[in-house]
């Protein structure tokens, strides 16, 4: 069975990273995409496992060489996805999981239109605001900026293949798992492996 790609992005504060980790924990056959980044490693992160950590000069060379399918400058650092890594992974048999922001998802859609694109939403703006306030460390101006950004991000949701509302972590994880299961059962994916038995 050919490898598939699952691309997950979502509104800021919707719990995307938590859901991606929960999906991975329940499905070891999903291989997480390793991005390049110019930010320094955080405690516990390993080069080549969590990210490929590079300098800004090295990242700039990757851009100039056309080696990245997508890249973004966010929170003072660059992040990008290797074109070669995706192509090699798709020739394998392990499905690939991407956790990228909307700009990156659009670039991946152009490179891999056969992918499954999933957008994570908070239940309502009011719930999102309360979640952000509960964190207790955001200045009011920054909180309002994040809420305004979410309203912009949510406008991108309709072009995704699936929407998952994160109103309850367990239920949202089950919905993600159901999407992955259904995608793997599509006829164009399964039939090439089954057809030899029926010809």
Protein backbone atom coordinates (compact mmCIF):
# COMPACT_ATOMS: atom_id res chain seq x y z
CA UNK A 1 0.00 0.00 0.00
CA UNK A 2 1.43 3.39 -1.01
CA UNK A 3 2.29 5.85 1.73
CA UNK A 4 -0.15 8.64 2.41
CA UNK A 5 0.36 12.05 3.91
CA UNK A 6 -1.83 13.57 6.60
CA UNK A 7 -1.46 17.32 7.05
CA UNK A 8 -2.85 18.86 10.22
CA UNK A 9 -3.05 22.57 10.87
CA UNK A 10 -5.41 24.70 12.87
CA UNK A 11 -6.37 27.80 14.68
CA UNK A 12 -3.88 29.12 17.22
CA UNK A 13 -4.75 27.72 20.64
CA UNK A 14 -7.05 25.01 19.29
CA UNK A 15 -4.93 22.21 20.77
CA UNK A 16 -3.43 21.03 17.49
CA UNK A 17 -0.08 19.92 18.91
CA UNK A 18 -1.73 17.98 21.74
CA UNK A 19 -4.02 16.21 19.26
CA UNK A 20 -1.14 15.38 16.92
CA UNK A 21 0.77 13.79 19.80
CA UNK A 22 -2.31 11.81 20.87
CA UNK A 23 -2.85 10.60 17.29
CA UNK A 24 0.78 9.51 17.02
CA UNK A 25 0.71 7.74 20.38
CA UNK A 26 -2.22 5.62 19.21
CA UNK A 27 -0.86 4.93 15.72
CA UNK A 28 2.85 4.10 15.56
CA UNK A 29 2.61 3.55 11.79
CA UNK A 30 2.39 7.34 11.36
CA UNK A 31 5.83 8.83 10.76
CA UNK A 32 6.15 12.44 11.89
CA UNK A 33 7.63 14.85 9.37
CA UNK A 34 10.90 16.34 10.54
CA UNK A 35 11.24 20.01 9.64
CA UNK A 36 14.28 22.23 9.39
CA UNK A 37 14.39 25.08 11.88
CA UNK A 38 16.76 27.86 12.87
CA UNK A 39 15.56 27.97 16.47
CA UNK A 40 17.77 26.38 19.13
CA UNK A 41 16.79 22.96 20.49
CA UNK A 42 14.58 22.93 23.57
CA UNK A 43 15.43 20.66 26.51
CA UNK A 44 14.96 17.03 25.46
CA UNK A 45 14.84 17.74 21.71
CA UNK A 46 17.22 15.76 19.52
CA UNK A 47 18.62 16.88 16.17
CA UNK A 48 17.27 14.65 13.40
CA UNK A 49 14.45 13.30 15.55
CA UNK A 50 12.43 16.37 16.53
CA UNK A 51 13.85 18.86 14.01
CA UNK A 52 16.89 19.32 11.85
CA UNK A 53 18.49 22.30 13.59
CA UNK A 54 20.40 24.56 11.20
CA UNK A 55 21.83 28.07 11.17
CA UNK A 56 20.11 30.94 9.35
CA UNK A 57 22.87 30.78 6.73
CA UNK A 58 22.19 27.07 6.13
CA UNK A 59 18.46 27.69 5.99
CA UNK A 60 18.97 30.46 3.46
CA UNK A 61 20.96 28.06 1.28
CA UNK A 62 18.12 25.52 1.43
CA UNK A 63 15.74 28.21 0.18
CA UNK A 64 18.09 29.26 -2.64
CA UNK A 65 18.60 25.63 -3.68
CA UNK A 66 14.84 25.03 -3.90
CA UNK A 67 15.19 22.26 -1.33
CA UNK A 68 12.12 23.26 0.69
CA UNK A 69 8.50 22.59 -0.26
CA UNK A 70 7.40 25.25 2.19
CA UNK A 71 8.91 27.50 4.80
CA UNK A 72 7.78 30.21 7.18
CA UNK A 73 9.34 32.79 9.48
CA UNK A 74 7.50 32.58 12.78
CA UNK A 75 8.27 33.92 16.25
CA UNK A 76 11.74 34.99 15.15
CA UNK A 77 12.82 31.69 13.57
CA UNK A 78 12.52 29.86 10.25
CA UNK A 79 10.77 26.51 9.79
CA UNK A 80 10.63 24.49 6.57
CA UNK A 81 9.89 21.09 5.04
CA UNK A 82 12.41 19.25 2.88
CA UNK A 83 11.26 18.38 -0.64
CA UNK A 84 13.67 15.42 -0.82
CA UNK A 85 12.52 14.05 2.55
CA UNK A 86 8.86 14.03 1.45
CA UNK A 87 9.61 12.38 -1.88
CA UNK A 88 11.73 9.68 -0.23
CA UNK A 89 9.11 9.06 2.46
CA UNK A 90 6.30 8.75 -0.11
CA UNK A 91 8.29 6.05 -1.92
CA UNK A 92 8.26 4.07 1.32
CA UNK A 93 5.28 2.42 2.96
CA UNK A 94 4.95 4.45 6.14
CA UNK A 95 2.30 7.17 6.27
CA UNK A 96 3.57 10.66 7.03
CA UNK A 97 2.07 13.12 9.51
CA UNK A 98 2.61 16.87 9.18
CA UNK A 99 1.89 19.51 11.81
CA UNK A 100 2.13 22.80 9.89
CA UNK A 101 0.55 26.22 9.84
CA UNK A 102 -1.84 27.26 7.06
CA UNK A 103 0.78 28.73 4.69
CA UNK A 104 2.74 25.48 4.87
CA UNK A 105 -0.38 23.39 4.34
CA UNK A 106 -1.17 25.31 1.13
CA UNK A 107 2.32 24.67 -0.20
CA UNK A 108 2.03 20.97 0.67
CA UNK A 109 -1.35 20.86 -1.10
CA UNK A 110 0.37 21.99 -4.29
CA UNK A 111 3.19 19.47 -3.92
CA UNK A 112 1.02 16.57 -2.68
CA UNK A 113 -2.59 17.15 -3.80
CA UNK A 114 -3.41 13.53 -2.92
CA UNK A 115 -2.80 14.27 0.78
CA UNK A 116 -5.45 14.41 3.48
CA UNK A 117 -5.74 17.92 4.94
CA UNK A 118 -7.29 18.36 8.39
CA UNK A 119 -8.05 21.61 10.22
CA UNK A 120 -8.43 21.79 14.02
CA UNK A 121 -10.91 24.29 15.45
CA UNK A 122 -11.78 25.40 18.97
CA UNK A 123 -15.53 25.00 19.73
CA UNK A 124 -16.25 28.74 19.86
CA UNK A 125 -14.31 32.01 20.14
CA UNK A 126 -15.52 32.32 23.74
CA UNK A 127 -14.12 28.89 24.68
CA UNK A 128 -10.81 29.72 23.02
CA UNK A 129 -10.58 33.02 24.89
CA UNK A 130 -11.22 31.25 28.19
CA UNK A 131 -8.56 28.64 27.43
CA UNK A 132 -6.03 31.36 26.68
CA UNK A 133 -6.96 33.28 29.83
CA UNK A 134 -6.63 30.11 31.92
CA UNK A 135 -2.97 29.92 30.91
CA UNK A 136 -2.58 33.08 32.96
CA UNK A 137 0.58 34.48 31.40
CA UNK A 138 -0.61 36.36 28.31
CA UNK A 139 -0.81 40.16 28.47
CA UNK A 140 -4.23 41.43 27.39
CA UNK A 141 -2.91 43.02 24.20
CA UNK A 142 -1.28 39.77 23.10
CA UNK A 143 -4.40 37.78 23.95
CA UNK A 144 -6.52 40.08 21.78
CA UNK A 145 -3.97 39.75 18.95
CA UNK A 146 -4.20 35.95 19.16
CA UNK A 147 -8.00 36.04 19.08
CA UNK A 148 -7.97 38.31 16.02
CA UNK A 149 -5.47 35.98 14.35
CA UNK A 150 -7.71 32.97 15.01
CA UNK A 151 -10.64 34.71 13.32
CA UNK A 152 -8.43 35.14 10.23
CA UNK A 153 -7.11 31.57 10.37
CA UNK A 154 -10.59 30.07 10.62
CA UNK A 155 -11.49 31.64 7.26
CA UNK A 156 -9.10 29.11 5.66
CA UNK A 157 -10.96 26.09 7.08
CA UNK A 158 -13.32 25.46 4.11
CA UNK A 159 -10.57 24.33 1.70
CA UNK A 160 -9.41 21.55 4.02
CA UNK A 161 -10.75 18.01 3.54
CA UNK A 162 -11.84 17.56 7.15
CA UNK A 163 -12.61 19.76 10.16
CA UNK A 164 -12.18 18.54 13.73
CA UNK A 165 -13.66 20.59 16.56
CA UNK A 166 -11.58 20.15 19.70
CA UNK A 167 -14.35 20.44 22.28
CA UNK A 168 -13.14 17.35 24.16
CA UNK A 169 -9.63 15.93 23.74
CA UNK A 170 -10.69 12.27 23.80
CA UNK A 171 -13.50 12.77 21.29
CA UNK A 172 -11.39 14.96 19.02
CA UNK A 173 -8.63 12.32 19.03
CA UNK A 174 -11.20 9.67 18.06
CA UNK A 175 -12.38 11.83 15.18
CA UNK A 176 -8.81 12.22 13.94
CA UNK A 177 -8.26 8.46 14.20
CA UNK A 178 -11.48 7.86 12.25
CA UNK A 179 -10.31 10.17 9.46
CA UNK A 180 -6.99 8.32 9.18
CA UNK A 181 -8.76 4.93 9.14
CA UNK A 182 -11.22 6.07 6.48
CA UNK A 183 -8.44 7.54 4.31
CA UNK A 184 -6.54 4.26 4.39
CA UNK A 185 -9.67 2.44 3.22
CA UNK A 186 -10.19 4.49 0.05
CA UNK A 187 -10.40 2.38 -3.09
CA UNK A 188 -7.47 4.08 -4.88
CA UNK A 189 -5.30 3.27 -1.88
CA UNK A 190 -6.36 -0.32 -1.19
CA UNK A 191 -7.25 -1.66 -4.63
CA UNK A 192 -3.68 -1.82 -6.05
CA UNK A 193 -2.77 -4.28 -3.27
CA UNK A 194 -6.02 -6.27 -3.60
CA UNK A 195 -6.48 -6.41 -7.37
CA UNK A 196 -3.86 -9.15 -8.00
CA UNK A 197 -6.01 -11.58 -6.00
CA UNK A 198 -9.07 -10.82 -8.14
CA UNK A 199 -7.56 -10.67 -11.63
